[in-house]
């Protein structure tokens, strides 16, 4: 049920909500939403890995908001990372499934990317991802984006473990009007929603 769910930008005053949602381990595999921002060595070196929380906190404090929280009855229940592609440089790598079709889009402030979701376990399969996606589309449009890209999982009707669908499900994006613009692996379409022409 998502009737009371609202999305709100992750501003500095909402950091505690993000920590509550992510828990002490920092969401999936302890990445603290730095996987697409930080050099790979930060994930390979245990000492550097421990700095990811503070690095993401610094990013949030510096602004602008790197994504949206889903709040229901005052409780954080979900997160979506969305913003200009340039804010998540690793997501743009030429060998990545999420690489832009036009390399210039990686630095274009009007081309945004939606790179990951986190939904609290008790709220999964209740429409929170769709609500976060709708909020992300509105947020991108409000902030002048001309296009919003995503590289979700095309599950083909098969159930997938939550950790493997943090990119979102292609079916959710299709329902929101996203169109496939490339497919570099059978289960991972690159999808785009044109927000203005």
Protein backbone atom coordinates (compact mmCIF):
# COMPACT_ATOMS: atom_id res chain seq x y z
CA UNK A 1 0.00 0.00 0.00
CA UNK A 2 1.41 3.40 -1.00
CA UNK A 3 -1.57 5.67 -0.29
CA UNK A 4 0.24 7.74 2.38
CA UNK A 5 3.68 7.57 0.80
CA UNK A 6 5.33 10.82 -0.26
CA UNK A 7 8.69 11.43 -1.87
CA UNK A 8 11.01 14.16 -0.70
CA UNK A 9 14.53 15.24 -1.70
CA UNK A 10 17.40 13.97 0.43
CA UNK A 11 18.44 17.29 1.96
CA UNK A 12 20.87 17.58 4.90
CA UNK A 13 17.99 17.68 7.41
CA UNK A 14 16.85 14.26 6.11
CA UNK A 15 20.19 12.48 6.61
CA UNK A 16 18.94 10.69 9.75
CA UNK A 17 16.05 9.26 7.72
CA UNK A 18 18.49 7.85 5.18
CA UNK A 19 20.60 6.30 7.95
CA UNK A 20 17.48 4.73 9.44
CA UNK A 21 16.52 3.24 6.07
CA UNK A 22 20.03 2.04 5.19
CA UNK A 23 20.79 0.65 8.64
CA UNK A 24 24.30 0.15 10.02
CA UNK A 25 25.44 -1.82 6.97
CA UNK A 26 24.71 1.02 4.54
CA UNK A 27 22.06 -0.61 2.32
CA UNK A 28 23.14 -3.17 -0.25
CA UNK A 29 26.61 -4.54 0.44
CA UNK A 30 27.52 -1.46 2.47
CA UNK A 31 27.87 0.79 -0.56
CA UNK A 32 26.17 3.86 0.97
CA UNK A 33 25.17 4.81 -2.58
CA UNK A 34 28.80 5.44 -3.48
CA UNK A 35 29.21 2.53 -5.91
CA UNK A 36 28.63 4.72 -8.95
CA UNK A 37 30.68 7.62 -7.53
CA UNK A 38 33.77 6.22 -5.82
CA UNK A 39 36.85 4.63 -7.39
CA UNK A 40 36.78 0.82 -7.32
CA UNK A 41 39.73 0.72 -4.92
CA UNK A 42 37.46 2.14 -2.21
CA UNK A 43 35.41 -1.05 -2.34
CA UNK A 44 38.44 -3.33 -2.40
CA UNK A 45 40.33 -1.74 0.52
CA UNK A 46 38.64 -2.40 3.90
CA UNK A 47 39.95 0.80 5.46
CA UNK A 48 38.76 2.94 2.55
CA UNK A 49 35.43 1.13 2.45
CA UNK A 50 34.76 2.32 5.99
CA UNK A 51 34.83 5.91 4.71
CA UNK A 52 31.93 5.46 2.27
CA UNK A 53 29.26 6.56 4.76
CA UNK A 54 31.04 9.82 5.53
CA UNK A 55 31.79 10.43 1.86
CA UNK A 56 28.13 10.09 0.94
CA UNK A 57 27.12 12.21 3.92
CA UNK A 58 29.50 14.94 2.69
CA UNK A 59 27.90 14.67 -0.77
CA UNK A 60 24.43 15.11 0.75
CA UNK A 61 25.54 18.04 2.92
CA UNK A 62 27.12 19.78 -0.08
CA UNK A 63 23.95 19.41 -2.19
CA UNK A 64 22.11 19.42 -4.44
CA UNK A 65 20.03 16.42 -3.33
CA UNK A 66 21.34 13.21 -4.94
CA UNK A 67 17.96 11.53 -4.84
CA UNK A 68 14.65 11.12 -3.07
CA UNK A 69 13.41 9.41 0.05
CA UNK A 70 10.00 7.78 0.31
CA UNK A 71 8.33 8.62 3.60
CA UNK A 72 5.19 6.98 4.94
CA UNK A 73 3.63 8.10 8.22
CA UNK A 74 6.90 9.81 9.11
CA UNK A 75 8.99 6.69 8.50
CA UNK A 76 11.57 6.34 5.70
CA UNK A 77 10.61 3.35 3.56
CA UNK A 78 12.55 3.83 0.32
CA UNK A 79 15.26 5.66 -1.60
CA UNK A 80 15.99 6.37 -5.25
CA UNK A 81 19.25 7.83 -6.49
CA UNK A 82 18.46 10.24 -9.33
CA UNK A 83 20.27 13.23 -10.76
CA UNK A 84 22.49 14.36 -13.62
CA UNK A 85 24.52 11.53 -15.13
CA UNK A 86 27.70 13.45 -14.30
CA UNK A 87 26.98 12.97 -10.58
CA UNK A 88 27.49 9.21 -10.94
CA UNK A 89 30.56 8.98 -13.21
CA UNK A 90 31.06 5.23 -12.86
CA UNK A 91 27.54 4.67 -14.24
CA UNK A 92 28.71 6.30 -17.48
CA UNK A 93 31.76 4.11 -18.18
CA UNK A 94 32.00 2.98 -21.79
CA UNK A 95 31.96 -0.70 -20.74
CA UNK A 96 28.97 -0.30 -18.43
CA UNK A 97 25.53 -1.57 -19.37
CA UNK A 98 24.29 1.86 -18.32
CA UNK A 99 26.71 3.84 -20.54
CA UNK A 100 24.95 6.60 -22.46
CA UNK A 101 24.14 6.01 -26.11
CA UNK A 102 25.77 9.34 -26.91
CA UNK A 103 29.01 9.82 -24.89
CA UNK A 104 28.25 13.56 -24.64
CA UNK A 105 25.22 12.72 -22.47
CA UNK A 106 27.58 11.72 -19.63
CA UNK A 107 28.44 15.39 -19.05
CA UNK A 108 25.20 17.00 -20.20
CA UNK A 109 23.53 18.46 -17.08
CA UNK A 110 20.14 18.03 -18.74
CA UNK A 111 20.50 14.24 -19.12
CA UNK A 112 19.76 12.55 -15.83
CA UNK A 113 20.16 8.98 -14.64
CA UNK A 114 18.26 6.87 -12.17
CA UNK A 115 20.80 4.37 -10.93
CA UNK A 116 19.37 2.57 -7.90
CA UNK A 117 16.55 1.94 -5.46
CA UNK A 118 16.45 0.80 -1.85
CA UNK A 119 13.10 -0.29 -0.39
CA UNK A 120 12.67 -1.41 3.22
CA UNK A 121 12.05 -5.14 3.40
CA UNK A 122 8.52 -4.87 4.86
CA UNK A 123 7.53 -2.49 2.03
CA UNK A 124 8.69 -4.53 -0.94
CA UNK A 125 6.13 -5.65 -3.54
CA UNK A 126 3.70 -2.96 -2.43
CA UNK A 127 4.33 -0.29 -5.06
CA UNK A 128 7.05 1.71 -3.30
CA UNK A 129 9.41 1.45 -6.30
CA UNK A 130 6.71 2.73 -8.66
CA UNK A 131 6.01 5.64 -6.29
CA UNK A 132 9.73 6.43 -6.09
CA UNK A 133 10.00 6.27 -9.87
CA UNK A 134 7.07 8.68 -10.28
CA UNK A 135 8.69 11.02 -7.78
CA UNK A 136 12.02 10.77 -9.61
CA UNK A 137 10.39 11.65 -12.94
CA UNK A 138 8.71 14.69 -11.37
CA UNK A 139 11.97 15.72 -9.66
CA UNK A 140 13.98 15.45 -12.89
CA UNK A 141 11.36 17.39 -14.85
CA UNK A 142 11.11 20.11 -12.17
CA UNK A 143 14.90 20.50 -12.25
CA UNK A 144 15.06 20.97 -16.01
CA UNK A 145 16.18 17.54 -17.18
CA UNK A 146 15.36 16.84 -20.83
CA UNK A 147 15.81 13.07 -20.50
CA UNK A 148 15.95 10.49 -17.74
CA UNK A 149 17.89 7.24 -18.30
CA UNK A 150 17.79 3.97 -16.38
CA UNK A 151 19.25 0.50 -16.81
CA UNK A 152 16.81 -1.77 -14.97
CA UNK A 153 16.58 -5.54 -14.81
CA UNK A 154 14.32 -7.25 -17.33
CA UNK A 155 13.24 -10.18 -15.19
CA UNK A 156 10.99 -11.70 -17.86
CA UNK A 157 8.48 -12.71 -15.21
CA UNK A 158 11.05 -14.60 -13.11
CA UNK A 159 11.45 -13.72 -9.45
CA UNK A 160 14.80 -12.12 -8.63
CA UNK A 161 16.43 -11.66 -5.22
CA UNK A 162 16.11 -8.05 -4.00
CA UNK A 163 19.85 -7.37 -4.18
CA UNK A 164 19.83 -8.12 -7.92
CA UNK A 165 17.05 -5.65 -8.70
CA UNK A 166 18.37 -2.54 -7.01
CA UNK A 167 18.41 -1.02 -10.51
CA UNK A 168 14.62 -1.46 -10.64
CA UNK A 169 12.52 -3.67 -12.87
CA UNK A 170 12.10 -2.90 -16.57
CA UNK A 171 8.37 -3.60 -16.32
CA UNK A 172 7.97 -0.75 -13.81
CA UNK A 173 9.83 1.61 -16.12
CA UNK A 174 7.78 0.54 -19.16
CA UNK A 175 4.57 1.30 -17.28
CA UNK A 176 5.98 4.76 -16.53
CA UNK A 177 6.55 5.42 -20.25
CA UNK A 178 10.27 4.66 -20.55
CA UNK A 179 11.43 3.32 -23.92
CA UNK A 180 14.32 0.97 -24.59
CA UNK A 181 17.18 2.71 -26.40
CA UNK A 182 19.88 0.00 -26.17
CA UNK A 183 20.40 -3.51 -24.81
CA UNK A 184 23.95 -4.56 -24.10
CA UNK A 185 22.97 -7.68 -22.19
CA UNK A 186 19.84 -9.78 -22.57
CA UNK A 187 18.42 -8.91 -19.14
CA UNK A 188 19.45 -5.22 -18.91
CA UNK A 189 17.87 -2.69 -21.28
CA UNK A 190 19.03 0.91 -21.27
CA UNK A 191 15.79 2.88 -21.09
CA UNK A 192 14.93 6.54 -21.48
CA UNK A 193 12.04 8.84 -20.77
CA UNK A 194 12.08 12.02 -22.84
CA UNK A 195 10.97 14.83 -20.56
CA UNK A 196 11.14 17.60 -23.15
CA UNK A 197 11.99 17.75 -26.82
